[in-house]
Amino acid sequence: MTPARAAILRAALSWLRTPWHHRARVKGAGVDCAQLLIGVYAEAGLVEEFDTGEYPPDWMMHRSQERFLAFVQQYCDAVDAPLPGDLALYFVGRCFSHGAIVTEWPEIIHASNRDRMVCLADGTQGWLAARDVQFWRLKGLAA
């Protein structure tokens, strides 16, 4: 595993059990799935933290605009098979709106509103089982 991928996984694991909180990005206090990705990749030194702007917690249920996907496409390239540290993006509601970090597919780390915290999960089971999923890799991150 490359040093960058190891740094991503170390950072992601350090967020485990952080409570789910809409639009927050404070390790141990609160984070949502989008902010978790920014926090982890920034902590690993691979992106600069940035502000996503306002978004309602249920925007994906009422709009088809690919807001989350647009941010992902700025920083990542689509891949067919994920490696540790890559991103899994799930179709929830009317668009791709839930993100997770792959540890070893199908295991993921994500900020789950349903679990009310950052947790490890099988990305092919439970409420994620029937969802379309795409995989993304940070631009410049070696396989």
Protein backbone atom coordinates (compact mmCIF):
# COMPACT_ATOMS: atom_id res chain seq x y z
CA MET A 1 0.00 0.00 0.00
CA THR A 2 1.32 3.45 -0.87
CA PRO A 3 2.11 5.94 1.92
CA ALA A 4 -0.71 8.22 0.71
CA ARG A 5 -3.28 5.41 0.88
CA ALA A 6 -2.04 4.44 4.34
CA ALA A 7 -2.41 8.09 5.45
CA ILE A 8 -6.00 8.16 4.15
CA LEU A 9 -6.90 5.02 6.09
CA ARG A 10 -5.20 6.25 9.29
CA ALA A 11 -7.09 9.52 9.05
CA ALA A 12 -10.42 7.82 8.28
CA LEU A 13 -10.08 5.37 11.17
CA SER A 14 -9.37 8.27 13.53
CA TRP A 15 -12.88 9.62 12.81
CA LEU A 16 -14.65 6.40 13.90
CA ARG A 17 -17.51 6.94 16.37
CA THR A 18 -17.65 10.68 15.66
CA PRO A 19 -21.37 11.52 15.91
CA TRP A 20 -23.27 12.26 12.72
CA HIS A 21 -24.10 15.96 12.47
CA HIS A 22 -25.30 17.75 9.35
CA ARG A 23 -22.65 20.07 7.80
CA ALA A 24 -20.21 19.64 10.69
CA ARG A 25 -16.54 18.72 10.34
CA VAL A 26 -15.18 18.37 13.88
CA LYS A 27 -13.51 15.07 14.74
CA GLY A 28 -15.08 13.55 17.84
CA ALA A 29 -17.93 16.08 17.88
CA GLY A 30 -19.82 15.83 14.57
CA VAL A 31 -19.56 15.23 10.83
CA ASP A 32 -21.69 14.24 7.85
CA CYS A 33 -20.59 12.07 4.93
CA ALA A 34 -19.47 14.93 2.67
CA GLN A 35 -17.55 16.72 5.40
CA LEU A 36 -15.93 13.44 6.48
CA LEU A 37 -14.38 13.03 3.04
CA ILE A 38 -12.99 16.56 3.06
CA GLY A 39 -11.69 16.13 6.62
CA VAL A 40 -10.00 12.80 5.92
CA TYR A 41 -8.33 13.74 2.64
CA ALA A 42 -7.20 17.08 4.11
CA GLU A 43 -5.81 15.36 7.22
CA ALA A 44 -3.91 12.98 4.92
CA GLY A 45 -2.41 16.04 3.22
CA LEU A 46 -3.97 15.33 -0.17
CA VAL A 47 -6.46 18.22 -0.50
CA GLU A 48 -6.96 21.63 1.05
CA GLU A 49 -10.06 21.96 3.21
CA PHE A 50 -12.85 23.84 1.44
CA ASP A 51 -16.36 25.07 2.13
CA THR A 52 -19.17 23.22 0.37
CA GLY A 53 -21.66 26.00 1.06
CA GLU A 54 -25.10 25.45 2.48
CA TYR A 55 -27.07 22.31 1.69
CA PRO A 56 -30.20 20.99 3.39
CA PRO A 57 -29.94 17.52 4.94
CA ASP A 58 -32.60 16.13 2.60
CA TRP A 59 -31.70 17.95 -0.64
CA MET A 60 -31.23 14.64 -2.45
CA MET A 61 -34.85 13.68 -1.85
CA HIS A 62 -36.24 16.78 -3.57
CA ARG A 63 -33.71 17.68 -6.25
CA SER A 64 -31.90 15.83 -9.02
CA GLN A 65 -29.02 18.30 -9.18
CA GLU A 66 -25.76 16.38 -8.74
CA ARG A 67 -24.24 18.73 -6.13
CA PHE A 68 -22.13 16.09 -4.35
CA LEU A 69 -21.00 14.50 -7.60
CA ALA A 70 -19.90 17.90 -8.94
CA PHE A 71 -17.50 18.34 -6.01
CA VAL A 72 -16.20 14.78 -6.38
CA GLN A 73 -15.54 15.29 -10.10
CA GLN A 74 -13.38 18.35 -9.33
CA TYR A 75 -11.01 16.27 -7.22
CA CYS A 76 -11.35 12.70 -8.46
CA ASP A 77 -11.41 10.45 -11.49
CA ALA A 78 -13.86 7.56 -11.86
CA VAL A 79 -12.42 4.05 -11.50
CA ASP A 80 -13.93 0.62 -12.07
CA ALA A 81 -12.46 -1.18 -9.06
CA PRO A 82 -11.68 0.64 -5.81
CA LEU A 83 -8.49 0.36 -3.81
CA PRO A 84 -8.09 1.25 -0.13
CA GLY A 85 -8.49 5.01 0.27
CA ASP A 86 -10.70 5.44 -2.79
CA LEU A 87 -14.18 6.90 -2.59
CA ALA A 88 -17.50 5.10 -2.95
CA LEU A 89 -20.35 7.38 -3.98
CA TYR A 90 -23.92 6.09 -3.59
CA PHE A 91 -27.14 7.05 -5.32
CA VAL A 92 -29.62 7.99 -2.58
CA GLY A 93 -32.87 9.76 -3.31
CA ARG A 94 -32.67 11.37 -6.72
CA CYS A 95 -28.89 11.69 -7.17
CA PHE A 96 -25.47 10.57 -5.95
CA SER A 97 -25.53 11.92 -2.42
CA HIS A 98 -23.73 9.61 0.02
CA GLY A 99 -19.98 9.20 0.17
CA ALA A 100 -17.70 6.73 1.92
CA ILE A 101 -14.04 5.81 2.01
CA VAL A 102 -13.12 2.30 0.93
CA THR A 103 -10.94 0.40 3.39
CA GLU A 104 -10.92 -2.92 1.48
CA TRP A 105 -13.98 -3.26 -0.77
CA PRO A 106 -16.70 -3.92 0.24
CA GLU A 107 -15.72 -2.52 3.65
CA ILE A 108 -16.17 1.24 3.95
CA ILE A 109 -15.95 3.99 6.54
CA HIS A 110 -18.79 6.47 6.36
CA ALA A 111 -20.69 9.04 8.39
CA SER A 112 -24.06 7.34 8.60
CA ASN A 113 -27.15 9.29 9.58
CA ARG A 114 -28.88 5.94 10.20
CA ASP A 115 -26.16 4.79 12.60
CA ARG A 116 -25.77 8.35 13.94
CA MET A 117 -21.96 8.18 13.69
CA VAL A 118 -18.91 7.41 11.62
CA CYS A 119 -18.66 3.64 11.38
CA LEU A 120 -17.27 0.72 9.43
CA ALA A 121 -19.80 -1.04 7.22
CA ASP A 122 -20.15 -3.50 4.39
CA GLY A 123 -20.88 -1.25 1.43
CA THR A 124 -22.97 -3.95 -0.24
CA GLN A 125 -25.31 -4.71 2.68
CA GLY A 126 -28.15 -3.07 4.60
CA TRP A 127 -29.55 0.20 3.29
CA LEU A 128 -26.66 0.49 0.79
CA ALA A 129 -27.30 -2.93 -0.79
CA ALA A 130 -29.63 -1.93 -3.60
CA ARG A 131 -27.99 1.42 -4.36
CA ASP A 132 -26.03 2.31 -7.46
CA VAL A 133 -22.43 2.94 -6.44
CA GLN A 134 -19.57 4.60 -8.30
CA PHE A 135 -15.91 4.53 -7.35
CA TRP A 136 -13.60 7.50 -7.50
CA ARG A 137 -9.90 8.09 -6.94
CA LEU A 138 -8.24 11.38 -6.03
CA LYS A 139 -6.47 12.83 -9.05
CA GLY A 140 -2.80 11.96 -8.84
CA LEU A 141 -3.23 9.23 -6.20
CA ALA A 142 -1.18 6.25 -7.30
CA ALA A 143 -2.77 2.83 -7.51
